[in-house]
């Protein structure tokens, strides 16, 4: 076990690590999967095309109210579920 200031750096402590909160990060639960599933439906054969597709998808998200409302509502559901599970893992419950 090592100490870094007042933090412990060790995997084998009596204190369990908190679950990762990617369930609460809109980029993780919405943005990256949405972009990936939208862009890779067709072959993208160069970096410039990929950048163009990503930029267009992000603009589409920003200009489509129902997409943003859906993300906000999903975030609210996830936060509530996190509270119900007292900060524990909850992705399997959504």
PDB file of N, CA and C in Angstrom:
ATOM      1  N   UNK A   1       0.862  -1.178   0.000  1.00  0.00           N
ATOM      2  CA  UNK A   1       0.000   0.000   0.000  1.00  0.00           C
ATOM      3  C   UNK A   1       0.899   1.229   0.000  1.00  0.00           C
ATOM      4  N   UNK A   2       0.517   2.210  -0.822  1.00  0.00           N
ATOM      5  CA  UNK A   2       1.244   3.467  -0.884  1.00  0.00           C
ATOM      6  C   UNK A   2       0.320   4.610  -0.510  1.00  0.00           C
ATOM      7  N   UNK A   3       0.890   5.664  -0.004  1.00  0.00           N
ATOM      8  CA  UNK A   3       0.117   6.855   0.342  1.00  0.00           C
ATOM      9  C   UNK A   3       0.492   7.976  -0.613  1.00  0.00           C
ATOM     10  N   UNK A   4      -0.484   8.723  -1.034  1.00  0.00           N
ATOM     11  CA  UNK A   4      -0.276   9.912  -1.841  1.00  0.00           C
ATOM     12  C   UNK A   4      -1.067  11.014  -1.169  1.00  0.00           C
ATOM     13  N   UNK A   5      -0.342  11.894  -0.486  1.00  0.00           N
ATOM     14  CA  UNK A   5      -0.974  12.876   0.394  1.00  0.00           C
ATOM     15  C   UNK A   5      -1.868  12.118   1.374  1.00  0.00           C
ATOM     16  N   UNK A   6      -3.154  12.383   1.360  1.00  0.00           N
ATOM     17  CA  UNK A   6      -4.056  11.698   2.289  1.00  0.00           C
ATOM     18  C   UNK A   6      -4.835  10.578   1.616  1.00  0.00           C
ATOM     19  N   UNK A   7      -4.401  10.158   0.423  1.00  0.00           N
ATOM     20  CA  UNK A   7      -5.111   9.107  -0.304  1.00  0.00           C
ATOM     21  C   UNK A   7      -4.308   7.811  -0.303  1.00  0.00           C
ATOM     22  N   UNK A   8      -5.006   6.711  -0.301  1.00  0.00           N
ATOM     23  CA  UNK A   8      -4.381   5.397  -0.353  1.00  0.00           C
ATOM     24  C   UNK A   8      -4.406   4.926  -1.802  1.00  0.00           C
ATOM     25  N   UNK A   9      -3.273   4.404  -2.254  1.00  0.00           N
ATOM     26  CA  UNK A   9      -3.196   3.852  -3.602  1.00  0.00           C
ATOM     27  C   UNK A   9      -2.950   2.355  -3.456  1.00  0.00           C
ATOM     28  N   UNK A  10      -4.022   1.576  -3.537  1.00  0.00           N
ATOM     29  CA  UNK A  10      -3.909   0.146  -3.362  1.00  0.00           C
ATOM     30  C   UNK A  10      -5.228  -0.500  -3.771  1.00  0.00           C
ATOM     31  N   UNK A  11      -5.147  -1.669  -4.364  1.00  0.00           N
ATOM     32  CA  UNK A  11      -6.368  -2.384  -4.752  1.00  0.00           C
ATOM     33  C   UNK A  11      -6.876  -3.310  -3.657  1.00  0.00           C
ATOM     34  N   UNK A  12      -6.074  -3.589  -2.688  1.00  0.00           N
ATOM     35  CA  UNK A  12      -6.422  -4.575  -1.663  1.00  0.00           C
ATOM     36  C   UNK A  12      -6.645  -3.913  -0.303  1.00  0.00           C
ATOM     37  N   UNK A  13      -7.543  -2.961  -0.254  1.00  0.00           N
ATOM     38  CA  UNK A  13      -7.843  -2.303   1.013  1.00  0.00           C
ATOM     39  C   UNK A  13      -9.187  -2.792   1.527  1.00  0.00           C
ATOM     40  N   UNK A  14      -9.447  -2.503   2.774  1.00  0.00           N
ATOM     41  CA  UNK A  14     -10.737  -2.875   3.373  1.00  0.00           C
ATOM     42  C   UNK A  14     -11.847  -1.966   2.870  1.00  0.00           C
ATOM     43  N   UNK A  15     -11.472  -0.843   2.271  1.00  0.00           N
ATOM     44  CA  UNK A  15     -12.457   0.120   1.768  1.00  0.00           C
ATOM     45  C   UNK A  15     -12.677  -0.157   0.281  1.00  0.00           C
ATOM     46  N   UNK A  16     -13.872  -0.603  -0.100  1.00  0.00           N
ATOM     47  CA  UNK A  16     -14.103  -0.894  -1.526  1.00  0.00           C
ATOM     48  C   UNK A  16     -14.127   0.386  -2.354  1.00  0.00           C
ATOM     49  N   UNK A  17     -13.609   0.285  -3.546  1.00  0.00           N
ATOM     50  CA  UNK A  17     -13.642   1.429  -4.458  1.00  0.00           C
ATOM     51  C   UNK A  17     -15.083   1.696  -4.874  1.00  0.00           C
ATOM     52  N   UNK A  18     -15.456   2.945  -5.015  1.00  0.00           N
ATOM     53  CA  UNK A  18     -16.814   3.235  -5.485  1.00  0.00           C
ATOM     54  C   UNK A  18     -16.965   2.809  -6.936  1.00  0.00           C
ATOM     55  N   UNK A  19     -18.164   2.477  -7.352  1.00  0.00           N
ATOM     56  CA  UNK A  19     -18.356   2.108  -8.755  1.00  0.00           C
ATOM     57  C   UNK A  19     -18.072   3.302  -9.658  1.00  0.00           C
ATOM     58  N   UNK A  20     -17.632   3.000 -10.842  1.00  0.00           N
ATOM     59  CA  UNK A  20     -17.415   4.079 -11.812  1.00  0.00           C
ATOM     60  C   UNK A  20     -18.769   4.655 -12.197  1.00  0.00           C
ATOM     61  N   UNK A  21     -18.800   5.941 -12.483  1.00  0.00           N
ATOM     62  CA  UNK A  21     -20.086   6.588 -12.720  1.00  0.00           C
ATOM     63  C   UNK A  21     -20.342   6.888 -14.194  1.00  0.00           C
ATOM     64  N   UNK A  22     -19.851   6.046 -15.098  1.00  0.00           N
ATOM     65  CA  UNK A  22     -20.123   6.307 -16.517  1.00  0.00           C
ATOM     66  C   UNK A  22     -21.624   6.213 -16.810  1.00  0.00           C
ATOM     67  N   UNK A  23     -22.371   5.581 -15.900  1.00  0.00           N
ATOM     68  CA  UNK A  23     -23.822   5.524 -16.051  1.00  0.00           C
ATOM     69  C   UNK A  23     -24.444   6.908 -15.950  1.00  0.00           C
ATOM     70  N   UNK A  24     -23.701   7.844 -15.359  1.00  0.00           N
ATOM     71  CA  UNK A  24     -24.233   9.196 -15.157  1.00  0.00           C
ATOM     72  C   UNK A  24     -23.612  10.218 -16.102  1.00  0.00           C
ATOM     73  N   UNK A  25     -22.727   9.806 -16.971  1.00  0.00           N
ATOM     74  CA  UNK A  25     -22.051  10.736 -17.861  1.00  0.00           C
ATOM     75  C   UNK A  25     -22.731  10.713 -19.228  1.00  0.00           C
ATOM     76  N   UNK A  26     -23.426  11.799 -19.597  1.00  0.00           N
ATOM     77  CA  UNK A  26     -24.144  11.803 -20.879  1.00  0.00           C
ATOM     78  C   UNK A  26     -23.279  11.451 -22.083  1.00  0.00           C
ATOM     79  N   UNK A  27     -22.014  11.831 -22.065  1.00  0.00           N
ATOM     80  CA  UNK A  27     -21.153  11.459 -23.195  1.00  0.00           C
ATOM     81  C   UNK A  27     -20.990   9.949 -23.290  1.00  0.00           C
ATOM     82  N   UNK A  28     -20.926   9.276 -22.145  1.00  0.00           N
ATOM     83  CA  UNK A  28     -20.751   7.825 -22.151  1.00  0.00           C
ATOM     84  C   UNK A  28     -22.042   7.079 -22.445  1.00  0.00           C
ATOM     85  N   UNK A  29     -23.165   7.491 -21.842  1.00  0.00           N
ATOM     86  CA  UNK A  29     -24.388   6.717 -22.040  1.00  0.00           C
ATOM     87  C   UNK A  29     -25.178   7.151 -23.262  1.00  0.00           C
ATOM     88  N   UNK A  30     -24.857   8.324 -23.851  1.00  0.00           N
ATOM     89  CA  UNK A  30     -25.618   8.754 -25.015  1.00  0.00           C
ATOM     90  C   UNK A  30     -24.732   9.154 -26.196  1.00  0.00           C
ATOM     91  N   UNK A  31     -23.898  10.161 -26.011  1.00  0.00           N
ATOM     92  CA  UNK A  31     -23.226  10.800 -27.149  1.00  0.00           C
ATOM     93  C   UNK A  31     -22.370   9.842 -27.962  1.00  0.00           C
ATOM     94  N   UNK A  32     -21.425   9.138 -27.309  1.00  0.00           N
ATOM     95  CA  UNK A  32     -20.529   8.267 -28.081  1.00  0.00           C
ATOM     96  C   UNK A  32     -21.287   7.125 -28.753  1.00  0.00           C
ATOM     97  N   UNK A  33     -22.185   6.427 -28.056  1.00  0.00           N
ATOM     98  CA  UNK A  33     -22.932   5.370 -28.765  1.00  0.00           C
ATOM     99  C   UNK A  33     -23.790   5.917 -29.908  1.00  0.00           C
ATOM    100  N   UNK A  34     -24.419   7.069 -29.701  1.00  0.00           N
ATOM    101  CA  UNK A  34     -25.266   7.653 -30.745  1.00  0.00           C
ATOM    102  C   UNK A  34     -24.437   7.995 -31.979  1.00  0.00           C
ATOM    103  N   UNK A  35     -23.310   8.647 -31.763  1.00  0.00           N
ATOM    104  CA  UNK A  35     -22.454   9.027 -32.892  1.00  0.00           C
ATOM    105  C   UNK A  35     -21.908   7.778 -33.579  1.00  0.00           C
ATOM    106  N   UNK A  36     -21.411   6.840 -32.804  1.00  0.00           N
ATOM    107  CA  UNK A  36     -20.844   5.617 -33.374  1.00  0.00           C
ATOM    108  C   UNK A  36     -21.887   4.855 -34.186  1.00  0.00           C
ATOM    109  N   UNK A  37     -23.078   4.682 -33.627  1.00  0.00           N
ATOM    110  CA  UNK A  37     -24.117   3.944 -34.340  1.00  0.00           C
ATOM    111  C   UNK A  37     -24.622   4.685 -35.567  1.00  0.00           C
ATOM    112  N   UNK A  38     -24.542   6.004 -35.560  1.00  0.00           N
ATOM    113  CA  UNK A  38     -24.987   6.784 -36.711  1.00  0.00           C
ATOM    114  C   UNK A  38     -23.939   6.831 -37.814  1.00  0.00           C
ATOM    115  N   UNK A  39     -22.703   6.997 -37.431  1.00  0.00           N
ATOM    116  CA  UNK A  39     -21.636   7.203 -38.417  1.00  0.00           C
ATOM    117  C   UNK A  39     -21.206   5.909 -39.082  1.00  0.00           C
ATOM    118  N   UNK A  40     -21.079   4.851 -38.302  1.00  0.00           N
ATOM    119  CA  UNK A  40     -20.533   3.622 -38.862  1.00  0.00           C
ATOM    120  C   UNK A  40     -21.562   2.757 -39.582  1.00  0.00           C
ATOM    121  N   UNK A  41     -22.711   3.333 -39.933  1.00  0.00           N
ATOM    122  CA  UNK A  41     -23.652   2.596 -40.773  1.00  0.00           C
ATOM    123  C   UNK A  41     -23.173   2.582 -42.220  1.00  0.00           C
ATOM    124  N   UNK A  42     -22.311   3.539 -42.559  1.00  0.00           N
ATOM    125  CA  UNK A  42     -21.689   3.585 -43.887  1.00  0.00           C
ATOM    126  C   UNK A  42     -20.173   3.609 -43.718  1.00  0.00           C
ATOM    127  N   UNK A  43     -19.474   3.199 -44.735  1.00  0.00           N
ATOM    128  CA  UNK A  43     -18.017   3.148 -44.699  1.00  0.00           C
ATOM    129  C   UNK A  43     -17.441   4.561 -44.678  1.00  0.00           C
ATOM    130  N   UNK A  44     -16.566   4.809 -43.731  1.00  0.00           N
ATOM    131  CA  UNK A  44     -15.842   6.082 -43.643  1.00  0.00           C
ATOM    132  C   UNK A  44     -14.386   5.733 -43.884  1.00  0.00           C
ATOM    133  N   UNK A  45     -13.853   6.203 -45.023  1.00  0.00           N
ATOM    134  CA  UNK A  45     -12.523   5.741 -45.408  1.00  0.00           C
ATOM    135  C   UNK A  45     -11.401   6.760 -45.240  1.00  0.00           C
ATOM    136  N   UNK A  46     -11.704   7.920 -44.655  1.00  0.00           N
ATOM    137  CA  UNK A  46     -10.606   8.837 -44.355  1.00  0.00           C
ATOM    138  C   UNK A  46     -10.961   9.728 -43.170  1.00  0.00           C
ATOM    139  N   UNK A  47      -9.938  10.291 -42.574  1.00  0.00           N
ATOM    140  CA  UNK A  47     -10.100  11.060 -41.350  1.00  0.00           C
ATOM    141  C   UNK A  47     -10.942  12.315 -41.561  1.00  0.00           C
ATOM    142  N   UNK A  48     -10.792  12.957 -42.676  1.00  0.00           N
ATOM    143  CA  UNK A  48     -11.568  14.185 -42.937  1.00  0.00           C
ATOM    144  C   UNK A  48     -13.069  13.886 -43.020  1.00  0.00           C
ATOM    145  N   UNK A  49     -13.431  12.789 -43.683  1.00  0.00           N
ATOM    146  CA  UNK A  49     -14.843  12.389 -43.732  1.00  0.00           C
ATOM    147  C   UNK A  49     -15.374  12.073 -42.344  1.00  0.00           C
ATOM    148  N   UNK A  50     -14.553  11.385 -41.562  1.00  0.00           N
ATOM    149  CA  UNK A  50     -14.955  11.040 -40.208  1.00  0.00           C
ATOM    150  C   UNK A  50     -15.215  12.308 -39.388  1.00  0.00           C
ATOM    151  N   UNK A  51     -14.303  13.264 -39.473  1.00  0.00           N
ATOM    152  CA  UNK A  51     -14.497  14.538 -38.760  1.00  0.00           C
ATOM    153  C   UNK A  51     -15.774  15.228 -39.220  1.00  0.00           C
ATOM    154  N   UNK A  52     -16.003  15.223 -40.504  1.00  0.00           N
ATOM    155  CA  UNK A  52     -17.199  15.862 -41.069  1.00  0.00           C
ATOM    156  C   UNK A  52     -18.471  15.192 -40.537  1.00  0.00           C
ATOM    157  N   UNK A  53     -18.499  13.874 -40.547  1.00  0.00           N
ATOM    158  CA  UNK A  53     -19.670  13.134 -40.053  1.00  0.00           C
ATOM    159  C   UNK A  53     -19.917  13.405 -38.562  1.00  0.00           C
ATOM    160  N   UNK A  54     -18.838  13.390 -37.781  1.00  0.00           N
ATOM    161  CA  UNK A  54     -18.977  13.646 -36.342  1.00  0.00           C
ATOM    162  C   UNK A  54     -19.496  15.054 -36.095  1.00  0.00           C
ATOM    163  N   UNK A  55     -18.937  16.023 -36.785  1.00  0.00           N
ATOM    164  CA  UNK A  55     -19.376  17.419 -36.635  1.00  0.00           C
ATOM    165  C   UNK A  55     -20.847  17.562 -37.006  1.00  0.00           C
ATOM    166  N   UNK A  56     -21.248  16.952 -38.099  1.00  0.00           N
ATOM    167  CA  UNK A  56     -22.655  17.025 -38.524  1.00  0.00           C
ATOM    168  C   UNK A  56     -23.591  16.386 -37.502  1.00  0.00           C
ATOM    169  N   UNK A  57     -23.193  15.248 -36.942  1.00  0.00           N
ATOM    170  CA  UNK A  57     -24.035  14.580 -35.950  1.00  0.00           C
ATOM    171  C   UNK A  57     -24.175  15.428 -34.686  1.00  0.00           C
ATOM    172  N   UNK A  58     -23.099  16.044 -34.256  1.00  0.00           N
ATOM    173  CA  UNK A  58     -23.170  16.892 -33.065  1.00  0.00           C
ATOM    174  C   UNK A  58     -24.049  18.108 -33.330  1.00  0.00           C
ATOM    175  N   UNK A  59     -23.949  18.694 -34.509  1.00  0.00           N
ATOM    176  CA  UNK A  59     -24.841  19.810 -34.864  1.00  0.00           C
ATOM    177  C   UNK A  59     -26.293  19.342 -34.892  1.00  0.00           C
ATOM    178  N   UNK A  60     -26.530  18.161 -35.414  1.00  0.00           N
ATOM    179  CA  UNK A  60     -27.882  17.595 -35.450  1.00  0.00           C
ATOM    180  C   UNK A  60     -28.437  17.445 -34.031  1.00  0.00           C
ATOM    181  N   UNK A  61     -27.620  16.937 -33.136  1.00  0.00           N
ATOM    182  CA  UNK A  61     -28.040  16.785 -31.737  1.00  0.00           C
ATOM    183  C   UNK A  61     -28.373  18.143 -31.138  1.00  0.00           C
ATOM    184  N   UNK A  62     -27.507  19.111 -31.357  1.00  0.00           N
ATOM    185  CA  UNK A  62     -27.716  20.454 -30.798  1.00  0.00           C
ATOM    186  C   UNK A  62     -28.958  21.134 -31.347  1.00  0.00           C
ATOM    187  N   UNK A  63     -29.362  20.770 -32.544  1.00  0.00           N
ATOM    188  CA  UNK A  63     -30.505  21.425 -33.184  1.00  0.00           C
ATOM    189  C   UNK A  63     -31.797  20.618 -33.114  1.00  0.00           C
ATOM    190  N   UNK A  64     -31.771  19.501 -32.418  1.00  0.00           N
ATOM    191  CA  UNK A  64     -32.957  18.652 -32.344  1.00  0.00           C
ATOM    192  C   UNK A  64     -33.410  18.581 -30.890  1.00  0.00           C
ATOM    193  N   UNK A  65     -34.446  19.317 -30.590  1.00  0.00           N
ATOM    194  CA  UNK A  65     -34.914  19.457 -29.218  1.00  0.00           C
ATOM    195  C   UNK A  65     -35.281  18.123 -28.580  1.00  0.00           C
ATOM    196  N   UNK A  66     -35.957  17.247 -29.306  1.00  0.00           N
ATOM    197  CA  UNK A  66     -36.395  15.992 -28.682  1.00  0.00           C
ATOM    198  C   UNK A  66     -35.225  15.080 -28.319  1.00  0.00           C
ATOM    199  N   UNK A  67     -34.117  15.162 -29.045  1.00  0.00           N
ATOM    200  CA  UNK A  67     -32.934  14.378 -28.675  1.00  0.00           C
ATOM    201  C   UNK A  67     -32.381  14.887 -27.352  1.00  0.00           C
ATOM    202  N   UNK A  68     -32.259  16.208 -27.226  1.00  0.00           N
ATOM    203  CA  UNK A  68     -31.727  16.784 -25.992  1.00  0.00           C
ATOM    204  C   UNK A  68     -32.662  16.521 -24.811  1.00  0.00           C
ATOM    205  N   UNK A  69     -33.958  16.597 -25.036  1.00  0.00           N
ATOM    206  CA  UNK A  69     -34.916  16.290 -23.970  1.00  0.00           C
ATOM    207  C   UNK A  69     -34.780  14.833 -23.526  1.00  0.00           C
ATOM    208  N   UNK A  70     -34.584  13.956 -24.466  1.00  0.00           N
ATOM    209  CA  UNK A  70     -34.421  12.541 -24.156  1.00  0.00           C
ATOM    210  C   UNK A  70     -33.163  12.311 -23.312  1.00  0.00           C
ATOM    211  N   UNK A  71     -32.085  12.984 -23.660  1.00  0.00           N
ATOM    212  CA  UNK A  71     -30.841  12.847 -22.892  1.00  0.00           C
ATOM    213  C   UNK A  71     -31.048  13.364 -21.470  1.00  0.00           C
ATOM    214  N   UNK A  72     -31.705  14.503 -21.329  1.00  0.00           N
ATOM    215  CA  UNK A  72     -31.966  15.074 -20.001  1.00  0.00           C
ATOM    216  C   UNK A  72     -32.841  14.134 -19.177  1.00  0.00           C
ATOM    217  N   UNK A  73     -33.889  13.603 -19.778  1.00  0.00           N
ATOM    218  CA  UNK A  73     -34.769  12.681 -19.056  1.00  0.00           C
ATOM    219  C   UNK A  73     -34.040  11.403 -18.648  1.00  0.00           C
ATOM    220  N   UNK A  74     -33.188  10.896 -19.525  1.00  0.00           N
ATOM    221  CA  UNK A  74     -32.416   9.704 -19.202  1.00  0.00           C
ATOM    222  C   UNK A  74     -31.447   9.999 -18.059  1.00  0.00           C
ATOM    223  N   UNK A  75     -30.845  11.172 -18.083  1.00  0.00           N
ATOM    224  CA  UNK A  75     -29.931  11.565 -17.011  1.00  0.00           C
ATOM    225  C   UNK A  75     -30.672  11.618 -15.670  1.00  0.00           C
ATOM    226  N   UNK A  76     -31.867  12.207 -15.680  1.00  0.00           N
ATOM    227  CA  UNK A  76     -32.665  12.283 -14.448  1.00  0.00           C
ATOM    228  C   UNK A  76     -32.982  10.884 -13.917  1.00  0.00           C
ATOM    229  N   UNK A  77     -33.391   9.964 -14.817  1.00  0.00           N
ATOM    230  CA  UNK A  77     -33.682   8.585 -14.408  1.00  0.00           C
ATOM    231  C   UNK A  77     -32.452   7.928 -13.794  1.00  0.00           C
ATOM    232  N   UNK A  78     -31.303   8.159 -14.407  1.00  0.00           N
ATOM    233  CA  UNK A  78     -30.061   7.558 -13.927  1.00  0.00           C
ATOM    234  C   UNK A  78     -29.660   8.104 -12.560  1.00  0.00           C
ATOM    235  N   UNK A  79     -29.825   9.404 -12.367  1.00  0.00           N
ATOM    236  CA  UNK A  79     -29.494  10.001 -11.068  1.00  0.00           C
ATOM    237  C   UNK A  79     -30.408   9.446  -9.984  1.00  0.00           C
ATOM    238  N   UNK A  80     -31.698   9.363 -10.278  1.00  0.00           N
ATOM    239  CA  UNK A  80     -32.639   8.809  -9.299  1.00  0.00           C
ATOM    240  C   UNK A  80     -32.299   7.355  -8.970  1.00  0.00           C
ATOM    241  N   UNK A  81     -31.964   6.576  -9.990  1.00  0.00           N
ATOM    242  CA  UNK A  81     -31.605   5.173  -9.761  1.00  0.00           C
ATOM    243  C   UNK A  81     -30.320   5.074  -8.946  1.00  0.00           C
ATOM    244  N   UNK A  82     -29.394   5.979  -9.171  1.00  0.00           N
ATOM    245  CA  UNK A  82     -28.154   6.005  -8.395  1.00  0.00           C
ATOM    246  C   UNK A  82     -28.456   6.262  -6.919  1.00  0.00           C
ATOM    247  N   UNK A  83     -29.367   7.208  -6.645  1.00  0.00           N
ATOM    248  CA  UNK A  83     -29.779   7.466  -5.266  1.00  0.00           C
ATOM    249  C   UNK A  83     -30.456   6.240  -4.651  1.00  0.00           C
ATOM    250  N   UNK A  84     -31.336   5.608  -5.422  1.00  0.00           N
ATOM    251  CA  UNK A  84     -32.045   4.428  -4.910  1.00  0.00           C
ATOM    252  C   UNK A  84     -31.078   3.299  -4.569  1.00  0.00           C
ATOM    253  N   UNK A  85     -30.027   3.171  -5.346  1.00  0.00           N
ATOM    254  CA  UNK A  85     -29.037   2.108  -5.122  1.00  0.00           C
ATOM    255  C   UNK A  85     -27.910   2.563  -4.206  1.00  0.00           C
ATOM    256  N   UNK A  86     -28.088   3.743  -3.595  1.00  0.00           N
ATOM    257  CA  UNK A  86     -27.116   4.310  -2.674  1.00  0.00           C
ATOM    258  C   UNK A  86     -25.707   4.374  -3.250  1.00  0.00           C
ATOM    259  N   UNK A  87     -25.627   4.807  -4.503  1.00  0.00           N
ATOM    260  CA  UNK A  87     -24.339   4.974  -5.165  1.00  0.00           C
ATOM    261  C   UNK A  87     -23.759   3.717  -5.740  1.00  0.00           C
ATOM    262  N   UNK A  88     -24.456   2.603  -5.601  1.00  0.00           N
ATOM    263  CA  UNK A  88     -23.957   1.336  -6.132  1.00  0.00           C
ATOM    264  C   UNK A  88     -24.217   1.204  -7.628  1.00  0.00           C
ATOM    265  N   UNK A  89     -23.870   0.071  -8.156  1.00  0.00           N
ATOM    266  CA  UNK A  89     -24.072  -0.199  -9.585  1.00  0.00           C
ATOM    267  C   UNK A  89     -25.563  -0.297  -9.892  1.00  0.00           C
ATOM    268  N   UNK A  90     -25.980   0.295 -11.011  1.00  0.00           N
ATOM    269  CA  UNK A  90     -27.407   0.286 -11.329  1.00  0.00           C
ATOM    270  C   UNK A  90     -27.685   0.152 -12.812  1.00  0.00           C
ATOM    271  N   UNK A  91     -26.676   0.090 -13.657  1.00  0.00           N
ATOM    272  CA  UNK A  91     -26.886   0.003 -15.106  1.00  0.00           C
ATOM    273  C   UNK A  91     -27.792  -1.158 -15.458  1.00  0.00           C
ATOM    274  N   UNK A  92     -27.648  -2.265 -14.764  1.00  0.00           N
ATOM    275  CA  UNK A  92     -28.469  -3.463 -15.051  1.00  0.00           C
ATOM    276  C   UNK A  92     -29.931  -3.256 -14.690  1.00  0.00           C
ATOM    277  N   UNK A  93     -30.251  -2.183 -13.963  1.00  0.00           N
ATOM    278  CA  UNK A  93     -31.626  -1.909 -13.540  1.00  0.00           C
ATOM    279  C   UNK A  93     -32.343  -0.940 -14.477  1.00  0.00           C
ATOM    280  N   UNK A  94     -31.639  -0.377 -15.428  1.00  0.00           N
ATOM    281  CA  UNK A  94     -32.253   0.605 -16.325  1.00  0.00           C
ATOM    282  C   UNK A  94     -32.967  -0.054 -17.486  1.00  0.00           C
TER     283      UNK A  94
END
